[in-house]
N, C-alpha and C. Protein backbone atom coordinates (compact mmCIF):
# COMPACT_ATOMS: atom_id res chain seq x y z
N UNK A 1 -95.87 30.90 157.14
CA UNK A 1 -94.94 31.92 156.73
C UNK A 1 -93.60 31.56 157.35
N UNK A 2 -92.56 31.65 156.58
CA UNK A 2 -91.23 31.32 157.08
C UNK A 2 -90.69 32.45 157.94
N UNK A 3 -89.65 32.16 158.69
CA UNK A 3 -89.03 33.20 159.54
C UNK A 3 -88.52 34.34 158.70
N UNK A 4 -87.99 34.03 157.51
CA UNK A 4 -87.49 35.08 156.62
C UNK A 4 -88.62 35.98 156.15
N UNK A 5 -89.76 35.39 155.78
CA UNK A 5 -90.90 36.19 155.33
C UNK A 5 -91.43 37.07 156.45
N UNK A 6 -91.52 36.53 157.64
CA UNK A 6 -92.01 37.32 158.77
C UNK A 6 -91.08 38.49 159.05
N UNK A 7 -89.78 38.27 158.95
CA UNK A 7 -88.82 39.34 159.19
C UNK A 7 -88.93 40.42 158.13
N UNK A 8 -89.08 40.03 156.86
CA UNK A 8 -89.15 41.03 155.81
C UNK A 8 -90.43 41.86 155.91
N UNK A 9 -91.54 41.22 156.31
CA UNK A 9 -92.78 41.97 156.48
C UNK A 9 -92.64 42.93 157.65
N UNK A 10 -92.09 42.46 158.76
CA UNK A 10 -91.93 43.29 159.94
C UNK A 10 -90.98 44.44 159.68
N UNK A 11 -89.87 44.18 158.98
CA UNK A 11 -88.88 45.23 158.76
C UNK A 11 -89.37 46.26 157.74
N UNK A 12 -90.41 45.94 156.96
CA UNK A 12 -90.93 46.90 155.99
C UNK A 12 -91.68 48.04 156.67
N UNK A 13 -92.12 47.84 157.90
CA UNK A 13 -92.83 48.88 158.63
C UNK A 13 -91.79 49.80 159.29
N UNK A 14 -91.78 51.08 158.91
CA UNK A 14 -90.75 51.97 159.48
C UNK A 14 -91.02 52.25 160.96
N UNK A 15 -89.95 52.53 161.68
CA UNK A 15 -90.08 52.95 163.07
C UNK A 15 -90.49 54.40 163.12
N UNK A 16 -91.17 54.78 164.18
CA UNK A 16 -91.52 56.17 164.41
C UNK A 16 -90.24 56.98 164.54
N UNK A 17 -90.11 58.02 163.74
CA UNK A 17 -88.94 58.89 163.83
C UNK A 17 -89.35 60.30 163.42
N UNK A 18 -88.39 61.21 163.48
CA UNK A 18 -88.68 62.61 163.16
C UNK A 18 -89.21 62.81 161.76
N UNK A 19 -88.69 62.04 160.81
CA UNK A 19 -89.17 62.19 159.44
C UNK A 19 -90.63 61.78 159.32
N UNK A 20 -91.01 60.64 159.91
CA UNK A 20 -92.41 60.20 159.79
C UNK A 20 -93.34 61.15 160.53
N UNK A 21 -92.90 61.67 161.67
CA UNK A 21 -93.71 62.65 162.38
C UNK A 21 -93.83 63.93 161.54
N UNK A 22 -92.73 64.37 160.95
CA UNK A 22 -92.74 65.58 160.13
C UNK A 22 -93.63 65.46 158.91
N UNK A 23 -93.57 64.32 158.24
CA UNK A 23 -94.42 64.10 157.06
C UNK A 23 -95.89 64.17 157.46
N UNK A 24 -96.25 63.47 158.55
CA UNK A 24 -97.64 63.49 159.00
C UNK A 24 -98.04 64.90 159.43
N UNK A 25 -97.16 65.58 160.17
CA UNK A 25 -97.46 66.93 160.63
C UNK A 25 -97.75 67.86 159.46
N UNK A 26 -96.89 67.84 158.45
CA UNK A 26 -97.06 68.77 157.34
C UNK A 26 -98.30 68.45 156.51
N UNK A 27 -98.63 67.18 156.38
CA UNK A 27 -99.86 66.82 155.66
C UNK A 27 -101.09 67.33 156.41
N UNK A 28 -101.11 67.09 157.73
CA UNK A 28 -102.24 67.55 158.54
C UNK A 28 -102.29 69.07 158.58
N UNK A 29 -101.13 69.72 158.71
CA UNK A 29 -101.09 71.18 158.77
C UNK A 29 -101.60 71.81 157.48
N UNK A 30 -101.30 71.19 156.34
CA UNK A 30 -101.79 71.73 155.07
C UNK A 30 -103.31 71.70 155.01
N UNK A 31 -103.90 70.60 155.48
CA UNK A 31 -105.37 70.52 155.52
C UNK A 31 -105.92 71.54 156.51
N UNK A 32 -105.32 71.59 157.70
CA UNK A 32 -105.76 72.54 158.74
C UNK A 32 -105.70 73.98 158.21
N UNK A 33 -104.62 74.32 157.54
CA UNK A 33 -104.48 75.69 157.05
C UNK A 33 -105.51 76.03 155.99
N UNK A 34 -105.91 75.04 155.20
CA UNK A 34 -106.98 75.29 154.22
C UNK A 34 -108.31 75.50 154.92
N UNK A 35 -108.53 74.75 156.01
CA UNK A 35 -109.75 74.97 156.79
C UNK A 35 -109.73 76.37 157.42
N UNK A 36 -108.57 76.78 157.88
CA UNK A 36 -108.44 78.10 158.52
C UNK A 36 -108.60 79.24 157.51
N UNK A 37 -108.20 79.01 156.27
CA UNK A 37 -108.22 80.08 155.26
C UNK A 37 -109.62 80.70 155.14
N UNK A 38 -110.64 79.90 155.29
CA UNK A 38 -112.01 80.41 155.20
C UNK A 38 -112.30 81.45 156.28
N UNK A 39 -111.63 81.32 157.43
CA UNK A 39 -111.87 82.25 158.53
C UNK A 39 -110.96 83.47 158.48
N UNK A 40 -109.88 83.38 157.71
CA UNK A 40 -108.92 84.48 157.67
C UNK A 40 -107.92 84.44 158.81
N UNK A 41 -108.00 83.42 159.67
CA UNK A 41 -107.08 83.31 160.79
C UNK A 41 -105.81 82.57 160.41
N UNK A 42 -104.73 82.91 161.10
CA UNK A 42 -103.52 82.10 161.03
C UNK A 42 -103.66 81.00 162.07
N UNK A 43 -102.81 79.99 161.99
CA UNK A 43 -102.85 78.94 162.99
C UNK A 43 -102.58 79.51 164.38
N UNK A 44 -101.59 80.38 164.50
CA UNK A 44 -101.27 80.97 165.81
C UNK A 44 -102.47 81.74 166.36
N UNK A 45 -103.16 82.48 165.50
CA UNK A 45 -104.35 83.21 165.96
C UNK A 45 -105.44 82.24 166.41
N UNK A 46 -105.58 81.11 165.72
CA UNK A 46 -106.60 80.14 166.10
C UNK A 46 -106.31 79.53 167.46
N UNK A 47 -105.04 79.33 167.77
CA UNK A 47 -104.66 78.79 169.09
C UNK A 47 -104.99 79.82 170.17
N UNK A 48 -104.71 81.09 169.89
CA UNK A 48 -105.02 82.15 170.85
C UNK A 48 -106.53 82.28 171.06
N UNK A 49 -107.29 82.24 169.99
CA UNK A 49 -108.75 82.33 170.09
C UNK A 49 -109.30 81.15 170.90
N UNK A 50 -108.78 79.95 170.67
CA UNK A 50 -109.23 78.76 171.39
C UNK A 50 -108.93 78.88 172.88
N UNK A 51 -107.77 79.42 173.24
CA UNK A 51 -107.43 79.56 174.66
C UNK A 51 -108.44 80.43 175.38
N UNK A 52 -108.85 81.52 174.75
CA UNK A 52 -109.85 82.39 175.37
C UNK A 52 -111.24 81.76 175.31
N UNK A 53 -111.53 81.02 174.23
CA UNK A 53 -112.83 80.34 174.13
C UNK A 53 -112.97 79.29 175.23
N UNK A 54 -111.86 78.76 175.69
CA UNK A 54 -111.89 77.76 176.76
C UNK A 54 -112.10 78.38 178.14
N UNK A 55 -112.24 79.71 178.19
CA UNK A 55 -112.56 80.38 179.44
C UNK A 55 -111.36 80.84 180.24
N UNK A 56 -110.17 80.73 179.68
CA UNK A 56 -109.00 81.22 180.41
C UNK A 56 -108.98 82.74 180.42
N UNK A 57 -108.46 83.32 181.50
CA UNK A 57 -108.26 84.77 181.48
C UNK A 57 -107.06 85.06 180.57
N UNK A 58 -106.81 86.33 180.32
CA UNK A 58 -105.77 86.67 179.33
C UNK A 58 -104.40 86.15 179.75
N UNK A 59 -104.06 86.25 181.02
CA UNK A 59 -102.75 85.77 181.48
C UNK A 59 -102.64 84.25 181.30
N UNK A 60 -103.68 83.53 181.69
CA UNK A 60 -103.66 82.08 181.54
C UNK A 60 -103.65 81.67 180.08
N UNK A 61 -104.41 82.40 179.26
CA UNK A 61 -104.43 82.12 177.82
C UNK A 61 -103.06 82.38 177.21
N UNK A 62 -102.42 83.46 177.63
CA UNK A 62 -101.08 83.77 177.11
C UNK A 62 -100.09 82.68 177.50
N UNK A 63 -100.20 82.18 178.72
CA UNK A 63 -99.32 81.09 179.16
C UNK A 63 -99.55 79.84 178.30
N UNK A 64 -100.82 79.51 178.05
CA UNK A 64 -101.11 78.33 177.23
C UNK A 64 -100.58 78.51 175.81
N UNK A 65 -100.85 79.68 175.23
CA UNK A 65 -100.41 79.94 173.86
C UNK A 65 -98.89 79.89 173.77
N UNK A 66 -98.22 80.49 174.73
CA UNK A 66 -96.75 80.48 174.74
C UNK A 66 -96.22 79.05 174.81
N UNK A 67 -96.78 78.25 175.69
CA UNK A 67 -96.32 76.87 175.85
C UNK A 67 -96.64 76.02 174.63
N UNK A 68 -97.83 76.21 174.07
CA UNK A 68 -98.25 75.42 172.92
C UNK A 68 -97.43 75.74 171.68
N UNK A 69 -97.26 77.04 171.43
CA UNK A 69 -96.60 77.48 170.19
C UNK A 69 -95.11 77.73 170.34
N UNK A 70 -94.60 77.63 171.55
CA UNK A 70 -93.18 77.88 171.82
C UNK A 70 -92.80 79.30 171.40
N UNK A 71 -93.63 80.25 171.84
CA UNK A 71 -93.36 81.66 171.59
C UNK A 71 -93.32 82.39 172.92
N UNK A 72 -92.78 83.59 172.91
CA UNK A 72 -92.72 84.32 174.19
C UNK A 72 -94.05 85.00 174.48
N UNK A 73 -94.20 85.41 175.73
CA UNK A 73 -95.46 85.99 176.19
C UNK A 73 -95.87 87.24 175.43
N UNK A 74 -94.90 88.06 175.05
CA UNK A 74 -95.25 89.28 174.32
C UNK A 74 -95.86 88.96 172.96
N UNK A 75 -95.38 87.90 172.31
CA UNK A 75 -95.96 87.50 171.02
C UNK A 75 -97.37 86.95 171.24
N UNK A 76 -97.58 86.22 172.33
CA UNK A 76 -98.92 85.71 172.63
C UNK A 76 -99.89 86.87 172.83
N UNK A 77 -99.48 87.87 173.58
CA UNK A 77 -100.35 89.03 173.80
C UNK A 77 -100.59 89.79 172.49
N UNK A 78 -99.60 89.82 171.62
CA UNK A 78 -99.78 90.47 170.31
C UNK A 78 -100.85 89.73 169.50
N UNK A 79 -100.91 88.42 169.64
CA UNK A 79 -101.95 87.65 168.94
C UNK A 79 -103.34 88.07 169.43
N UNK A 80 -103.49 88.25 170.75
CA UNK A 80 -104.78 88.70 171.28
C UNK A 80 -105.12 90.08 170.75
N UNK A 81 -104.13 90.95 170.66
CA UNK A 81 -104.36 92.29 170.12
C UNK A 81 -104.80 92.22 168.65
N UNK A 82 -104.19 91.34 167.88
CA UNK A 82 -104.58 91.16 166.47
C UNK A 82 -106.03 90.70 166.38
N UNK A 83 -106.41 89.77 167.24
CA UNK A 83 -107.78 89.26 167.23
C UNK A 83 -108.78 90.33 167.64
N UNK A 84 -108.39 91.16 168.61
CA UNK A 84 -109.26 92.27 169.02
C UNK A 84 -109.41 93.27 167.88
N UNK A 85 -108.31 93.58 167.20
CA UNK A 85 -108.36 94.52 166.08
C UNK A 85 -109.23 94.00 164.94
N UNK A 86 -109.30 92.67 164.80
CA UNK A 86 -110.13 92.06 163.76
C UNK A 86 -111.59 91.94 164.19
N UNK A 87 -111.90 92.36 165.42
CA UNK A 87 -113.28 92.31 165.91
C UNK A 87 -113.70 90.95 166.45
N UNK A 88 -112.71 90.07 166.71
CA UNK A 88 -113.03 88.73 167.20
C UNK A 88 -112.97 88.63 168.72
N UNK A 89 -112.33 89.62 169.35
CA UNK A 89 -112.28 89.73 170.80
C UNK A 89 -112.79 91.09 171.21
N UNK A 90 -113.22 91.20 172.46
CA UNK A 90 -113.66 92.49 172.96
C UNK A 90 -112.47 93.46 173.01
N UNK A 91 -112.73 94.70 173.30
CA UNK A 91 -111.69 95.72 173.29
C UNK A 91 -110.52 95.43 174.20
N UNK A 92 -110.76 94.75 175.30
CA UNK A 92 -109.69 94.39 176.23
C UNK A 92 -108.92 93.15 175.78
N UNK A 93 -109.46 92.48 174.75
CA UNK A 93 -108.81 91.27 174.28
C UNK A 93 -108.91 90.12 175.25
N UNK A 94 -110.04 90.06 175.96
CA UNK A 94 -110.19 89.03 176.99
C UNK A 94 -111.36 88.07 176.75
N UNK A 95 -112.28 88.43 175.86
CA UNK A 95 -113.46 87.59 175.62
C UNK A 95 -113.82 87.63 174.15
N UNK A 96 -114.36 86.53 173.65
CA UNK A 96 -114.75 86.46 172.26
C UNK A 96 -116.00 87.30 172.01
N UNK A 97 -116.00 87.99 170.87
CA UNK A 97 -117.22 88.65 170.42
C UNK A 97 -118.11 87.58 169.80
N UNK A 98 -119.31 87.96 169.41
CA UNK A 98 -120.19 87.01 168.74
C UNK A 98 -119.53 86.47 167.47
N UNK A 99 -118.87 87.34 166.72
CA UNK A 99 -118.18 86.91 165.49
C UNK A 99 -117.02 85.99 165.83
N UNK A 100 -116.27 86.30 166.87
CA UNK A 100 -115.17 85.43 167.29
C UNK A 100 -115.68 84.06 167.69
N UNK A 101 -116.79 84.02 168.42
CA UNK A 101 -117.38 82.74 168.83
C UNK A 101 -117.87 81.96 167.62
N UNK A 102 -118.46 82.65 166.64
CA UNK A 102 -118.94 81.98 165.43
C UNK A 102 -117.78 81.35 164.67
N UNK A 103 -116.70 82.10 164.51
CA UNK A 103 -115.53 81.57 163.80
C UNK A 103 -114.92 80.41 164.58
N UNK A 104 -114.82 80.56 165.88
CA UNK A 104 -114.25 79.50 166.72
C UNK A 104 -115.07 78.22 166.60
N UNK A 105 -116.39 78.34 166.69
CA UNK A 105 -117.26 77.16 166.56
C UNK A 105 -117.10 76.51 165.19
N UNK A 106 -117.05 77.32 164.15
CA UNK A 106 -116.91 76.78 162.79
C UNK A 106 -115.61 76.02 162.62
N UNK A 107 -114.52 76.58 163.12
CA UNK A 107 -113.23 75.92 163.00
C UNK A 107 -113.20 74.65 163.85
N UNK A 108 -113.73 74.72 165.06
CA UNK A 108 -113.78 73.55 165.94
C UNK A 108 -114.58 72.43 165.28
N UNK A 109 -115.71 72.76 164.69
CA UNK A 109 -116.52 71.75 164.01
C UNK A 109 -115.77 71.15 162.82
N UNK A 110 -115.08 72.00 162.05
CA UNK A 110 -114.32 71.51 160.90
C UNK A 110 -113.20 70.59 161.34
N UNK A 111 -112.51 70.95 162.41
CA UNK A 111 -111.42 70.11 162.92
C UNK A 111 -111.96 68.79 163.48
N UNK A 112 -113.11 68.84 164.11
CA UNK A 112 -113.72 67.59 164.62
C UNK A 112 -114.00 66.63 163.48
N UNK A 113 -114.55 67.14 162.39
CA UNK A 113 -114.80 66.31 161.22
C UNK A 113 -113.52 65.77 160.63
N UNK A 114 -112.51 66.62 160.54
CA UNK A 114 -111.21 66.20 160.01
C UNK A 114 -110.60 65.11 160.90
N UNK A 115 -110.67 65.31 162.20
CA UNK A 115 -110.12 64.33 163.14
C UNK A 115 -110.78 62.97 162.93
N UNK A 116 -112.08 62.96 162.78
CA UNK A 116 -112.78 61.69 162.57
C UNK A 116 -112.35 61.04 161.26
N UNK A 117 -112.20 61.84 160.20
CA UNK A 117 -111.79 61.28 158.91
C UNK A 117 -110.36 60.74 158.97
N UNK A 118 -109.48 61.41 159.68
CA UNK A 118 -108.07 61.00 159.72
C UNK A 118 -107.82 59.86 160.70
N UNK A 119 -108.43 59.91 161.87
CA UNK A 119 -108.12 58.96 162.94
C UNK A 119 -109.21 57.94 163.20
N UNK A 120 -110.40 58.17 162.67
CA UNK A 120 -111.56 57.37 163.03
C UNK A 120 -111.42 55.88 162.82
N UNK A 121 -110.74 55.44 161.79
CA UNK A 121 -110.63 54.01 161.52
C UNK A 121 -109.49 53.31 162.24
N UNK A 122 -108.68 54.07 162.96
CA UNK A 122 -107.56 53.45 163.67
C UNK A 122 -108.03 52.83 164.97
N UNK A 123 -107.54 51.64 165.28
CA UNK A 123 -107.92 51.01 166.54
C UNK A 123 -107.51 51.88 167.74
N UNK A 124 -108.35 51.90 168.75
CA UNK A 124 -108.08 52.72 169.94
C UNK A 124 -106.74 52.38 170.57
N UNK A 125 -106.39 51.10 170.61
CA UNK A 125 -105.11 50.70 171.22
C UNK A 125 -103.93 51.31 170.48
N UNK A 126 -104.00 51.37 169.15
CA UNK A 126 -102.93 51.97 168.37
C UNK A 126 -102.86 53.48 168.61
N UNK A 127 -104.02 54.11 168.71
CA UNK A 127 -104.04 55.55 168.99
C UNK A 127 -103.46 55.85 170.37
N UNK A 128 -103.75 54.99 171.34
CA UNK A 128 -103.20 55.18 172.69
C UNK A 128 -101.68 55.03 172.68
N UNK A 129 -101.17 54.03 171.97
CA UNK A 129 -99.72 53.82 171.89
C UNK A 129 -99.07 55.03 171.21
N UNK A 130 -99.64 55.48 170.11
CA UNK A 130 -99.08 56.63 169.40
C UNK A 130 -99.10 57.88 170.28
N UNK A 131 -100.20 58.08 171.01
CA UNK A 131 -100.31 59.25 171.89
C UNK A 131 -99.24 59.21 172.98
N UNK A 132 -99.03 58.04 173.56
CA UNK A 132 -97.99 57.92 174.60
C UNK A 132 -96.61 58.19 174.01
N UNK A 133 -96.33 57.64 172.85
CA UNK A 133 -95.02 57.85 172.22
C UNK A 133 -94.81 59.33 171.90
N UNK A 134 -95.81 59.97 171.33
CA UNK A 134 -95.67 61.39 170.98
C UNK A 134 -95.55 62.27 172.22
N UNK A 135 -96.27 61.94 173.28
CA UNK A 135 -96.15 62.70 174.53
C UNK A 135 -94.74 62.56 175.09
N UNK A 136 -94.18 61.38 175.01
CA UNK A 136 -92.81 61.15 175.50
C UNK A 136 -91.80 61.95 174.67
N UNK A 137 -91.96 61.91 173.35
CA UNK A 137 -91.06 62.66 172.46
C UNK A 137 -91.19 64.16 172.72
N UNK A 138 -92.43 64.64 172.89
CA UNK A 138 -92.65 66.07 173.16
C UNK A 138 -92.00 66.48 174.48
N UNK A 139 -92.11 65.65 175.50
CA UNK A 139 -91.48 65.96 176.79
C UNK A 139 -89.97 66.05 176.65
N UNK A 140 -89.39 65.14 175.89
CA UNK A 140 -87.94 65.19 175.66
C UNK A 140 -87.55 66.44 174.87
N UNK A 141 -88.35 66.79 173.87
CA UNK A 141 -88.05 67.97 173.07
C UNK A 141 -88.15 69.23 173.94
N UNK A 142 -89.17 69.28 174.80
CA UNK A 142 -89.31 70.43 175.72
C UNK A 142 -88.11 70.52 176.67
N UNK A 143 -87.61 69.37 177.12
CA UNK A 143 -86.43 69.37 177.98
C UNK A 143 -85.21 69.88 177.20
N UNK A 144 -85.11 69.49 175.95
CA UNK A 144 -84.00 69.99 175.10
C UNK A 144 -84.11 71.50 174.94
N UNK A 145 -85.33 71.99 174.70
CA UNK A 145 -85.51 73.44 174.58
C UNK A 145 -85.10 74.15 175.85
N UNK A 146 -85.44 73.58 176.98
CA UNK A 146 -85.09 74.18 178.26
C UNK A 146 -83.59 74.21 178.50
N UNK A 147 -82.87 73.28 177.89
CA UNK A 147 -81.43 73.20 178.08
C UNK A 147 -80.67 74.12 177.12
N UNK A 148 -81.35 74.64 176.12
CA UNK A 148 -80.66 75.50 175.12
C UNK A 148 -80.53 76.91 175.59
């Protein structure tokens, strides 16, 4: 292969940027939202349910939800209240009911299958590089948010 051919092949691969991240995000989010539709949950509610399913107390879960979704604490607590009203959390909004646990398990299983279908064929080294790059970009974005 000539130097010109190698350059043209290499330059055809786009660099990681906001557009490529956005395109991938929206494609994955569309699939995720269809998986969630069966449960009746919104994505934000699923994040709140997962935080409590992971054994966090309500304050710790609210902190995780706020940090993950970039929302304030009062909105995170409102999500727990919505889940309690739907019968997925106990009356205090601190623990999953049997129905909440069933829905959480179903969504977790569906996401595990989706993850395998989307990422399973990618070499581990490439996934590690992508994870490091995205973690770095997320840290910079969080710093930008903190400066606003």
